[in-house]
Amino acid sequence: MTQQLNLFDNHSDGDTYLHERDHDRLTRQRGRVWDAIKNGEWRTIDWIAATTGDPATSVSARLRDFRKEKFGSHTIDRRHIDNGLWEYRRNE
């Protein structure tokens, strides 16, 4: 059984994370990135970034978050396209 992503159960951490500053921003960002990939279509990070308005580096970090147990252990597939370009999709 697949766990549901809980966008509001923020367990972010790290040396630079400050709950008061980052919680709401990262929670909303995760929601936007999730909405962009939840249909299972292959998408590049640049496409997701353009769609969500979030920086590509942040999109990449959110995709890694979704794979973590604390964010639902989702399967995020990736495939190499060409010359360092990759596509990602939710596979559930």
N, C-alpha and C. Protein backbone atom coordinates (compact mmCIF):
# COMPACT_ATOMS: atom_id res chain seq x y z
N MET A 1 0.84 -1.17 0.00
CA MET A 1 0.00 0.00 0.00
C MET A 1 0.89 1.24 0.00
N THR A 2 0.55 2.21 -0.84
CA THR A 2 1.32 3.44 -0.95
C THR A 2 0.91 4.41 0.14
N GLN A 3 1.90 5.02 0.76
CA GLN A 3 1.60 6.05 1.76
C GLN A 3 1.20 7.33 1.04
N GLN A 4 0.31 8.07 1.65
CA GLN A 4 -0.09 9.36 1.12
C GLN A 4 0.93 10.42 1.49
N LEU A 5 1.17 11.31 0.57
CA LEU A 5 2.05 12.45 0.84
C LEU A 5 1.29 13.42 1.73
N ASN A 6 1.88 13.80 2.83
CA ASN A 6 1.29 14.80 3.69
C ASN A 6 2.13 16.06 3.57
N LEU A 7 1.66 16.98 2.75
CA LEU A 7 2.43 18.19 2.48
C LEU A 7 2.55 19.08 3.70
N PHE A 8 1.69 18.88 4.68
CA PHE A 8 1.67 19.76 5.84
C PHE A 8 2.42 19.19 7.03
N ASP A 9 2.84 17.94 6.93
CA ASP A 9 3.60 17.31 8.00
C ASP A 9 5.07 17.53 7.69
N ASN A 10 5.51 18.76 7.87
CA ASN A 10 6.85 19.16 7.45
C ASN A 10 7.89 18.68 8.44
N HIS A 11 8.79 17.85 7.97
CA HIS A 11 9.87 17.34 8.79
C HIS A 11 11.22 17.79 8.22
N SER A 12 11.22 18.94 7.60
CA SER A 12 12.48 19.44 7.04
C SER A 12 13.50 19.60 8.15
N ASP A 13 14.74 19.48 7.76
CA ASP A 13 15.81 19.63 8.73
C ASP A 13 17.06 20.11 8.00
N GLY A 14 18.12 20.15 8.66
CA GLY A 14 19.38 20.58 8.05
C GLY A 14 19.94 21.77 8.79
N ASP A 15 21.20 22.02 8.54
CA ASP A 15 21.90 23.08 9.24
C ASP A 15 21.32 24.47 9.00
N THR A 16 20.76 24.70 7.83
CA THR A 16 20.28 26.04 7.52
C THR A 16 18.77 26.20 7.67
N TYR A 17 18.06 25.12 8.01
CA TYR A 17 16.60 25.17 8.14
C TYR A 17 16.19 25.87 9.43
N LEU A 18 15.34 26.88 9.30
CA LEU A 18 14.72 27.54 10.44
C LEU A 18 13.22 27.45 10.26
N HIS A 19 12.54 26.78 11.18
CA HIS A 19 11.11 26.52 11.06
C HIS A 19 10.33 27.81 10.79
N GLU A 20 10.59 28.84 11.56
CA GLU A 20 9.85 30.09 11.43
C GLU A 20 10.00 30.71 10.05
N ARG A 21 11.15 30.57 9.45
CA ARG A 21 11.44 31.16 8.16
C ARG A 21 11.04 30.26 7.00
N ASP A 22 11.23 28.95 7.14
CA ASP A 22 11.18 28.04 6.00
C ASP A 22 9.96 27.13 5.91
N HIS A 23 9.29 26.87 7.01
CA HIS A 23 8.20 25.88 7.02
C HIS A 23 7.14 26.17 5.97
N ASP A 24 6.54 27.34 6.02
CA ASP A 24 5.44 27.65 5.09
C ASP A 24 5.92 27.66 3.65
N ARG A 25 7.07 28.24 3.40
CA ARG A 25 7.61 28.33 2.04
C ARG A 25 7.85 26.94 1.46
N LEU A 26 8.50 26.08 2.22
CA LEU A 26 8.81 24.74 1.71
C LEU A 26 7.56 23.88 1.57
N THR A 27 6.61 24.05 2.46
CA THR A 27 5.36 23.30 2.37
C THR A 27 4.60 23.68 1.10
N ARG A 28 4.50 24.97 0.83
CA ARG A 28 3.83 25.42 -0.40
C ARG A 28 4.60 24.96 -1.64
N GLN A 29 5.92 25.02 -1.56
CA GLN A 29 6.74 24.59 -2.69
C GLN A 29 6.55 23.11 -2.98
N ARG A 30 6.54 22.29 -1.93
CA ARG A 30 6.29 20.86 -2.13
C ARG A 30 4.94 20.64 -2.80
N GLY A 31 3.95 21.39 -2.40
CA GLY A 31 2.62 21.26 -3.00
C GLY A 31 2.63 21.59 -4.49
N ARG A 32 3.32 22.65 -4.87
CA ARG A 32 3.39 23.03 -6.28
C ARG A 32 4.13 21.97 -7.11
N VAL A 33 5.24 21.49 -6.59
CA VAL A 33 6.02 20.47 -7.33
C VAL A 33 5.21 19.18 -7.42
N TRP A 34 4.54 18.80 -6.34
CA TRP A 34 3.71 17.59 -6.36
C TRP A 34 2.61 17.72 -7.41
N ASP A 35 1.95 18.86 -7.45
CA ASP A 35 0.89 19.07 -8.44
C ASP A 35 1.43 18.93 -9.87
N ALA A 36 2.67 19.32 -10.10
CA ALA A 36 3.27 19.26 -11.43
C ALA A 36 3.63 17.84 -11.84
N ILE A 37 3.85 16.93 -10.89
CA ILE A 37 4.29 15.57 -11.25
C ILE A 37 3.28 14.48 -10.90
N LYS A 38 2.22 14.81 -10.21
CA LYS A 38 1.34 13.77 -9.67
C LYS A 38 0.63 12.94 -10.74
N ASN A 39 0.54 13.45 -11.97
CA ASN A 39 -0.16 12.69 -13.01
C ASN A 39 0.70 11.59 -13.65
N GLY A 40 1.98 11.52 -13.29
CA GLY A 40 2.84 10.44 -13.78
C GLY A 40 3.48 10.70 -15.13
N GLU A 41 3.28 11.88 -15.71
CA GLU A 41 3.91 12.21 -16.99
C GLU A 41 5.39 12.54 -16.76
N TRP A 42 6.21 12.21 -17.75
CA TRP A 42 7.63 12.54 -17.68
C TRP A 42 7.80 14.05 -17.82
N ARG A 43 8.60 14.66 -16.91
CA ARG A 43 8.82 16.10 -16.90
C ARG A 43 10.29 16.39 -16.59
N THR A 44 10.85 17.39 -17.25
CA THR A 44 12.20 17.83 -16.89
C THR A 44 12.11 18.77 -15.69
N ILE A 45 13.23 18.93 -15.02
CA ILE A 45 13.27 19.88 -13.90
C ILE A 45 12.97 21.28 -14.40
N ASP A 46 13.48 21.63 -15.57
CA ASP A 46 13.20 22.97 -16.12
C ASP A 46 11.71 23.15 -16.38
N TRP A 47 11.03 22.13 -16.88
CA TRP A 47 9.59 22.23 -17.12
C TRP A 47 8.85 22.43 -15.80
N ILE A 48 9.23 21.63 -14.79
CA ILE A 48 8.58 21.77 -13.48
C ILE A 48 8.83 23.16 -12.91
N ALA A 49 10.07 23.63 -13.02
CA ALA A 49 10.41 24.96 -12.50
C ALA A 49 9.61 26.04 -13.22
N ALA A 50 9.49 25.95 -14.53
CA ALA A 50 8.72 26.95 -15.27
C ALA A 50 7.24 26.90 -14.90
N THR A 51 6.73 25.70 -14.67
CA THR A 51 5.32 25.53 -14.32
C THR A 51 5.02 26.04 -12.92
N THR A 52 5.92 25.78 -11.99
CA THR A 52 5.67 26.14 -10.59
C THR A 52 6.17 27.53 -10.23
N GLY A 53 7.13 28.03 -11.00
CA GLY A 53 7.76 29.31 -10.66
C GLY A 53 8.85 29.18 -9.61
N ASP A 54 9.22 27.96 -9.29
CA ASP A 54 10.27 27.71 -8.29
C ASP A 54 11.61 27.47 -8.98
N PRO A 55 12.72 27.80 -8.30
CA PRO A 55 14.05 27.57 -8.88
C PRO A 55 14.28 26.07 -9.15
N ALA A 56 15.02 25.79 -10.22
CA ALA A 56 15.31 24.40 -10.59
C ALA A 56 16.00 23.65 -9.46
N THR A 57 16.89 24.30 -8.73
CA THR A 57 17.57 23.63 -7.62
C THR A 57 16.59 23.24 -6.52
N SER A 58 15.60 24.07 -6.29
CA SER A 58 14.57 23.76 -5.29
C SER A 58 13.69 22.61 -5.76
N VAL A 59 13.34 22.60 -7.04
CA VAL A 59 12.54 21.50 -7.60
C VAL A 59 13.28 20.19 -7.41
N SER A 60 14.56 20.18 -7.71
CA SER A 60 15.37 18.98 -7.55
C SER A 60 15.35 18.50 -6.10
N ALA A 61 15.48 19.42 -5.17
CA ALA A 61 15.45 19.06 -3.74
C ALA A 61 14.09 18.51 -3.34
N ARG A 62 13.01 19.09 -3.86
CA ARG A 62 11.68 18.60 -3.51
C ARG A 62 11.46 17.19 -4.08
N LEU A 63 11.96 16.92 -5.28
CA LEU A 63 11.84 15.58 -5.84
C LEU A 63 12.56 14.57 -4.96
N ARG A 64 13.72 14.94 -4.43
CA ARG A 64 14.44 14.06 -3.50
C ARG A 64 13.65 13.89 -2.21
N ASP A 65 13.02 14.97 -1.75
CA ASP A 65 12.18 14.88 -0.54
C ASP A 65 11.11 13.81 -0.70
N PHE A 66 10.43 13.80 -1.83
CA PHE A 66 9.31 12.87 -2.01
C PHE A 66 9.74 11.42 -1.88
N ARG A 67 10.98 11.11 -2.16
CA ARG A 67 11.48 9.74 -2.04
C ARG A 67 11.70 9.33 -0.58
N LYS A 68 11.87 10.31 0.30
CA LYS A 68 12.17 10.03 1.70
C LYS A 68 10.94 9.52 2.44
N GLU A 69 11.17 8.63 3.39
CA GLU A 69 10.08 8.06 4.18
C GLU A 69 9.24 9.14 4.84
N LYS A 70 9.90 10.15 5.38
CA LYS A 70 9.16 11.18 6.11
C LYS A 70 8.27 12.03 5.20
N PHE A 71 8.44 11.90 3.89
CA PHE A 71 7.59 12.61 2.94
C PHE A 71 6.79 11.64 2.08
N GLY A 72 6.68 10.39 2.49
CA GLY A 72 5.79 9.45 1.82
C GLY A 72 6.42 8.30 1.08
N SER A 73 7.75 8.24 0.98
CA SER A 73 8.44 7.15 0.28
C SER A 73 7.90 6.93 -1.13
N HIS A 74 7.68 8.01 -1.84
CA HIS A 74 7.13 7.90 -3.20
C HIS A 74 8.21 7.46 -4.17
N THR A 75 7.79 6.77 -5.21
CA THR A 75 8.69 6.37 -6.27
C THR A 75 8.74 7.49 -7.30
N ILE A 76 9.88 8.11 -7.41
CA ILE A 76 10.11 9.15 -8.41
C ILE A 76 11.13 8.59 -9.39
N ASP A 77 10.64 8.21 -10.56
CA ASP A 77 11.52 7.65 -11.59
C ASP A 77 12.29 8.76 -12.28
N ARG A 78 13.43 8.40 -12.84
CA ARG A 78 14.18 9.33 -13.66
C ARG A 78 14.74 8.58 -14.86
N ARG A 79 14.87 9.30 -15.96
CA ARG A 79 15.46 8.70 -17.16
C ARG A 79 16.32 9.76 -17.85
N HIS A 80 17.42 9.30 -18.38
CA HIS A 80 18.36 10.18 -19.08
C HIS A 80 17.85 10.42 -20.49
N ILE A 81 17.83 11.68 -20.88
CA ILE A 81 17.38 12.04 -22.22
C ILE A 81 18.59 12.23 -23.14
N ASP A 82 19.45 13.21 -22.79
CA ASP A 82 20.61 13.49 -23.63
C ASP A 82 21.46 14.56 -22.97
N ASN A 83 22.77 14.43 -23.08
CA ASN A 83 23.68 15.50 -22.70
C ASN A 83 23.40 16.08 -21.30
N GLY A 84 23.19 15.21 -20.33
CA GLY A 84 22.97 15.65 -18.96
C GLY A 84 21.53 16.03 -18.64
N LEU A 85 20.63 15.88 -19.60
CA LEU A 85 19.22 16.19 -19.37
C LEU A 85 18.48 14.95 -18.90
N TRP A 86 17.72 15.11 -17.82
CA TRP A 86 16.95 14.02 -17.23
C TRP A 86 15.49 14.42 -17.14
N GLU A 87 14.63 13.41 -17.15
CA GLU A 87 13.20 13.61 -16.91
C GLU A 87 12.81 12.80 -15.68
N TYR A 88 11.77 13.27 -15.01
CA TYR A 88 11.30 12.65 -13.78
C TYR A 88 9.80 12.46 -13.85
N ARG A 89 9.31 11.45 -13.11
CA ARG A 89 7.88 11.26 -13.01
C ARG A 89 7.56 10.52 -11.70
N ARG A 90 6.38 10.72 -11.23
CA ARG A 90 5.84 9.95 -10.10
C ARG A 90 5.36 8.63 -10.66
N ASN A 91 5.74 7.55 -10.01
CA ASN A 91 5.36 6.22 -10.47
C ASN A 91 4.72 5.49 -9.31
N GLU A 92 3.40 5.47 -9.28
CA GLU A 92 2.70 4.81 -8.17
C GLU A 92 1.51 4.04 -8.68
